[in-house]
Amino acid sequence: MLVVLAVVIGLASLTAIGEHRRGGRPAVVVIAGLFFPLAWIAWYAHDEQSPRRR
């Protein structure tokens, strides 16, 4: 149980850090950390629709 909690907290923290690096405001950073699977989906959808640089 403790390992699962540590993994979830780790993923949430890394997601919050990633959102901060993407320029998110503090409130958005916290929300992204709490709902990290949804943040990943939003990032994927945003990145797929952005023009690709080659």
PDB file of N, CA and C in Angstrom:
ATOM      1  N   MET A   1       0.823  -1.197   0.000  1.00  0.00           N
ATOM      2  CA  MET A   1       0.000   0.000   0.000  1.00  0.00           C
ATOM      3  C   MET A   1       0.867   1.262   0.000  1.00  0.00           C
ATOM      4  N   LEU A   2       1.920   1.229   0.783  1.00  0.00           N
ATOM      5  CA  LEU A   2       2.812   2.383   0.881  1.00  0.00           C
ATOM      6  C   LEU A   2       3.544   2.630  -0.437  1.00  0.00           C
ATOM      7  N   VAL A   3       3.869   1.550  -1.134  1.00  0.00           N
ATOM      8  CA  VAL A   3       4.558   1.683  -2.420  1.00  0.00           C
ATOM      9  C   VAL A   3       3.630   2.330  -3.447  1.00  0.00           C
ATOM     10  N   VAL A   4       2.381   1.910  -3.467  1.00  0.00           N
ATOM     11  CA  VAL A   4       1.412   2.484  -4.406  1.00  0.00           C
ATOM     12  C   VAL A   4       1.228   3.978  -4.131  1.00  0.00           C
ATOM     13  N   LEU A   5       1.118   4.327  -2.872  1.00  0.00           N
ATOM     14  CA  LEU A   5       0.978   5.734  -2.499  1.00  0.00           C
ATOM     15  C   LEU A   5       2.205   6.541  -2.918  1.00  0.00           C
ATOM     16  N   ALA A   6       3.380   5.976  -2.737  1.00  0.00           N
ATOM     17  CA  ALA A   6       4.612   6.657  -3.135  1.00  0.00           C
ATOM     18  C   ALA A   6       4.662   6.857  -4.651  1.00  0.00           C
ATOM     19  N   VAL A   7       4.219   5.868  -5.410  1.00  0.00           N
ATOM     20  CA  VAL A   7       4.211   5.983  -6.875  1.00  0.00           C
ATOM     21  C   VAL A   7       3.231   7.068  -7.313  1.00  0.00           C
ATOM     22  N   VAL A   8       2.039   7.082  -6.726  1.00  0.00           N
ATOM     23  CA  VAL A   8       1.030   8.085  -7.082  1.00  0.00           C
ATOM     24  C   VAL A   8       1.522   9.488  -6.743  1.00  0.00           C
ATOM     25  N   ILE A   9       2.102   9.649  -5.576  1.00  0.00           N
ATOM     26  CA  ILE A   9       2.631  10.963  -5.178  1.00  0.00           C
ATOM     27  C   ILE A   9       3.781  11.372  -6.100  1.00  0.00           C
ATOM     28  N   GLY A  10       4.611  10.422  -6.475  1.00  0.00           N
ATOM     29  CA  GLY A  10       5.714  10.724  -7.395  1.00  0.00           C
ATOM     30  C   GLY A  10       5.219  11.167  -8.754  1.00  0.00           C
ATOM     31  N   LEU A  11       4.239  10.458  -9.305  1.00  0.00           N
ATOM     32  CA  LEU A  11       3.692  10.829 -10.610  1.00  0.00           C
ATOM     33  C   LEU A  11       2.986  12.182 -10.551  1.00  0.00           C
ATOM     34  N   ALA A  12       2.263  12.420  -9.476  1.00  0.00           N
ATOM     35  CA  ALA A  12       1.583  13.711  -9.322  1.00  0.00           C
ATOM     36  C   ALA A  12       2.602  14.846  -9.229  1.00  0.00           C
ATOM     37  N   SER A  13       3.676  14.620  -8.494  1.00  0.00           N
ATOM     38  CA  SER A  13       4.717  15.651  -8.357  1.00  0.00           C
ATOM     39  C   SER A  13       5.401  15.928  -9.690  1.00  0.00           C
ATOM     40  N   LEU A  14       5.745  14.884 -10.406  1.00  0.00           N
ATOM     41  CA  LEU A  14       6.396  15.070 -11.709  1.00  0.00           C
ATOM     42  C   LEU A  14       5.469  15.776 -12.696  1.00  0.00           C
ATOM     43  N   THR A  15       4.186  15.470 -12.635  1.00  0.00           N
ATOM     44  CA  THR A  15       3.224  16.142 -13.511  1.00  0.00           C
ATOM     45  C   THR A  15       3.113  17.619 -13.161  1.00  0.00           C
ATOM     46  N   ALA A  16       3.084  17.930 -11.872  1.00  0.00           N
ATOM     47  CA  ALA A  16       3.022  19.339 -11.454  1.00  0.00           C
ATOM     48  C   ALA A  16       4.269  20.086 -11.913  1.00  0.00           C
ATOM     49  N   ILE A  17       5.418  19.464 -11.790  1.00  0.00           N
ATOM     50  CA  ILE A  17       6.665  20.084 -12.251  1.00  0.00           C
ATOM     51  C   ILE A  17       6.618  20.306 -13.762  1.00  0.00           C
ATOM     52  N   GLY A  18       6.116  19.316 -14.482  1.00  0.00           N
ATOM     53  CA  GLY A  18       5.997  19.446 -15.940  1.00  0.00           C
ATOM     54  C   GLY A  18       5.064  20.562 -16.350  1.00  0.00           C
ATOM     55  N   GLU A  19       3.962  20.688 -15.637  1.00  0.00           N
ATOM     56  CA  GLU A  19       3.026  21.781 -15.947  1.00  0.00           C
ATOM     57  C   GLU A  19       3.657  23.128 -15.644  1.00  0.00           C
ATOM     58  N   HIS A  20       4.417  23.198 -14.587  1.00  0.00           N
ATOM     59  CA  HIS A  20       5.119  24.444 -14.254  1.00  0.00           C
ATOM     60  C   HIS A  20       6.103  24.804 -15.360  1.00  0.00           C
ATOM     61  N   ARG A  21       6.827  23.823 -15.872  1.00  0.00           N
ATOM     62  CA  ARG A  21       7.787  24.074 -16.955  1.00  0.00           C
ATOM     63  C   ARG A  21       7.087  24.475 -18.242  1.00  0.00           C
ATOM     64  N   ARG A  22       5.841  24.037 -18.417  1.00  0.00           N
ATOM     65  CA  ARG A  22       5.067  24.419 -19.600  1.00  0.00           C
ATOM     66  C   ARG A  22       4.463  25.807 -19.457  1.00  0.00           C
ATOM     67  N   GLY A  23       4.650  26.445 -18.299  1.00  0.00           N
ATOM     68  CA  GLY A  23       4.188  27.808 -18.112  1.00  0.00           C
ATOM     69  C   GLY A  23       2.850  27.932 -17.415  1.00  0.00           C
ATOM     70  N   GLY A  24       2.419  26.878 -16.749  1.00  0.00           N
ATOM     71  CA  GLY A  24       1.136  26.919 -16.063  1.00  0.00           C
ATOM     72  C   GLY A  24       1.166  27.819 -14.830  1.00  0.00           C
ATOM     73  N   ARG A  25       0.040  28.435 -14.547  1.00  0.00           N
ATOM     74  CA  ARG A  25      -0.099  29.250 -13.344  1.00  0.00           C
ATOM     75  C   ARG A  25      -0.158  28.336 -12.132  1.00  0.00           C
ATOM     76  N   PRO A  26       0.121  28.877 -10.947  1.00  0.00           N
ATOM     77  CA  PRO A  26       0.159  28.032  -9.737  1.00  0.00           C
ATOM     78  C   PRO A  26      -1.096  27.185  -9.515  1.00  0.00           C
ATOM     79  N   ALA A  27      -2.271  27.751  -9.744  1.00  0.00           N
ATOM     80  CA  ALA A  27      -3.501  26.981  -9.548  1.00  0.00           C
ATOM     81  C   ALA A  27      -3.585  25.821 -10.549  1.00  0.00           C
ATOM     82  N   VAL A  28      -3.176  26.067 -11.783  1.00  0.00           N
ATOM     83  CA  VAL A  28      -3.197  25.026 -12.812  1.00  0.00           C
ATOM     84  C   VAL A  28      -2.179  23.943 -12.498  1.00  0.00           C
ATOM     85  N   VAL A  29      -1.042  24.337 -11.945  1.00  0.00           N
ATOM     86  CA  VAL A  29      -0.009  23.373 -11.562  1.00  0.00           C
ATOM     87  C   VAL A  29      -0.549  22.413 -10.504  1.00  0.00           C
ATOM     88  N   VAL A  30      -1.236  22.944  -9.519  1.00  0.00           N
ATOM     89  CA  VAL A  30      -1.803  22.106  -8.454  1.00  0.00           C
ATOM     90  C   VAL A  30      -2.868  21.173  -9.015  1.00  0.00           C
ATOM     91  N   ILE A  31      -3.735  21.695  -9.851  1.00  0.00           N
ATOM     92  CA  ILE A  31      -4.798  20.869 -10.442  1.00  0.00           C
ATOM     93  C   ILE A  31      -4.201  19.781 -11.328  1.00  0.00           C
ATOM     94  N   ALA A  32      -3.185  20.116 -12.115  1.00  0.00           N
ATOM     95  CA  ALA A  32      -2.536  19.110 -12.963  1.00  0.00           C
ATOM     96  C   ALA A  32      -1.912  18.009 -12.117  1.00  0.00           C
ATOM     97  N   GLY A  33      -1.324  18.378 -10.986  1.00  0.00           N
ATOM     98  CA  GLY A  33      -0.745  17.377 -10.108  1.00  0.00           C
ATOM     99  C   GLY A  33      -1.791  16.463  -9.500  1.00  0.00           C
ATOM    100  N   LEU A  34      -2.917  17.035  -9.116  1.00  0.00           N
ATOM    101  CA  LEU A  34      -3.978  16.226  -8.507  1.00  0.00           C
ATOM    102  C   LEU A  34      -4.662  15.299  -9.507  1.00  0.00           C
ATOM    103  N   PHE A  35      -4.809  15.776 -10.722  1.00  0.00           N
ATOM    104  CA  PHE A  35      -5.492  14.999 -11.757  1.00  0.00           C
ATOM    105  C   PHE A  35      -4.515  14.663 -12.887  1.00  0.00           C
ATOM    106  N   PHE A  36      -3.384  14.053 -12.509  1.00  0.00           N
ATOM    107  CA  PHE A  36      -2.313  13.872 -13.485  1.00  0.00           C
ATOM    108  C   PHE A  36      -2.677  13.041 -14.713  1.00  0.00           C
ATOM    109  N   PRO A  37      -3.514  12.005 -14.645  1.00  0.00           N
ATOM    110  CA  PRO A  37      -3.829  11.311 -15.903  1.00  0.00           C
ATOM    111  C   PRO A  37      -4.558  12.219 -16.894  1.00  0.00           C
ATOM    112  N   LEU A  38      -5.425  13.091 -16.380  1.00  0.00           N
ATOM    113  CA  LEU A  38      -6.124  14.026 -17.265  1.00  0.00           C
ATOM    114  C   LEU A  38      -5.172  15.062 -17.842  1.00  0.00           C
ATOM    115  N   ALA A  39      -4.186  15.471 -17.057  1.00  0.00           N
ATOM    116  CA  ALA A  39      -3.182  16.412 -17.559  1.00  0.00           C
ATOM    117  C   ALA A  39      -2.393  15.784 -18.704  1.00  0.00           C
ATOM    118  N   TRP A  40      -2.066  14.508 -18.570  1.00  0.00           N
ATOM    119  CA  TRP A  40      -1.332  13.831 -19.646  1.00  0.00           C
ATOM    120  C   TRP A  40      -2.155  13.788 -20.922  1.00  0.00           C
ATOM    121  N   ILE A  41      -3.444  13.515 -20.798  1.00  0.00           N
ATOM    122  CA  ILE A  41      -4.321  13.484 -21.974  1.00  0.00           C
ATOM    123  C   ILE A  41      -4.397  14.875 -22.610  1.00  0.00           C
ATOM    124  N   ALA A  42      -4.530  15.896 -21.789  1.00  0.00           N
ATOM    125  CA  ALA A  42      -4.598  17.265 -22.314  1.00  0.00           C
ATOM    126  C   ALA A  42      -3.302  17.645 -23.016  1.00  0.00           C
ATOM    127  N   TRP A  43      -2.156  17.277 -22.423  1.00  0.00           N
ATOM    128  CA  TRP A  43      -0.873  17.578 -23.058  1.00  0.00           C
ATOM    129  C   TRP A  43      -0.754  16.861 -24.399  1.00  0.00           C
ATOM    130  N   TYR A  44      -1.161  15.603 -24.441  1.00  0.00           N
ATOM    131  CA  TYR A  44      -1.082  14.823 -25.681  1.00  0.00           C
ATOM    132  C   TYR A  44      -1.958  15.456 -26.760  1.00  0.00           C
ATOM    133  N   ALA A  45      -3.189  15.798 -26.402  1.00  0.00           N
ATOM    134  CA  ALA A  45      -4.087  16.403 -27.385  1.00  0.00           C
ATOM    135  C   ALA A  45      -3.543  17.744 -27.871  1.00  0.00           C
ATOM    136  N   HIS A  46      -2.993  18.537 -26.963  1.00  0.00           N
ATOM    137  CA  HIS A  46      -2.440  19.836 -27.340  1.00  0.00           C
ATOM    138  C   HIS A  46      -1.226  19.669 -28.239  1.00  0.00           C
ATOM    139  N   ASP A  47      -0.346  18.750 -27.890  1.00  0.00           N
ATOM    140  CA  ASP A  47       0.870  18.551 -28.670  1.00  0.00           C
ATOM    141  C   ASP A  47       0.582  17.959 -30.042  1.00  0.00           C
ATOM    142  N   GLU A  48      -0.449  17.139 -30.160  1.00  0.00           N
ATOM    143  CA  GLU A  48      -0.792  16.556 -31.453  1.00  0.00           C
ATOM    144  C   GLU A  48      -1.397  17.594 -32.382  1.00  0.00           C
ATOM    145  N   GLN A  49      -2.054  18.604 -31.854  1.00  0.00           N
ATOM    146  CA  GLN A  49      -2.685  19.621 -32.694  1.00  0.00           C
ATOM    147  C   GLN A  49      -1.767  20.799 -32.956  1.00  0.00           C
ATOM    148  N   SER A  50      -0.662  20.882 -32.247  1.00  0.00           N
ATOM    149  CA  SER A  50       0.290  21.965 -32.480  1.00  0.00           C
ATOM    150  C   SER A  50       1.063  21.698 -33.759  1.00  0.00           C
ATOM    151  N   PRO A  51       1.429  22.748 -34.472  1.00  0.00           N
ATOM    152  CA  PRO A  51       2.244  22.536 -35.673  1.00  0.00           C
ATOM    153  C   PRO A  51       3.600  21.937 -35.286  1.00  0.00           C
ATOM    154  N   ARG A  52       3.980  20.942 -36.035  1.00  0.00           N
ATOM    155  CA  ARG A  52       5.246  20.264 -35.733  1.00  0.00           C
ATOM    156  C   ARG A  52       6.397  20.984 -36.412  1.00  0.00           C
ATOM    157  N   ARG A  53       7.463  21.097 -35.657  1.00  0.00           N
ATOM    158  CA  ARG A  53       8.684  21.691 -36.214  1.00  0.00           C
ATOM    159  C   ARG A  53       9.577  20.575 -36.712  1.00  0.00           C
ATOM    160  N   ARG A  54      10.167  20.766 -37.851  1.00  0.00           N
ATOM    161  CA  ARG A  54      11.083  19.752 -38.392  1.00  0.00           C
ATOM    162  C   ARG A  54      12.392  20.375 -38.722  1.00  0.00           C
TER     163      ARG A  54
END
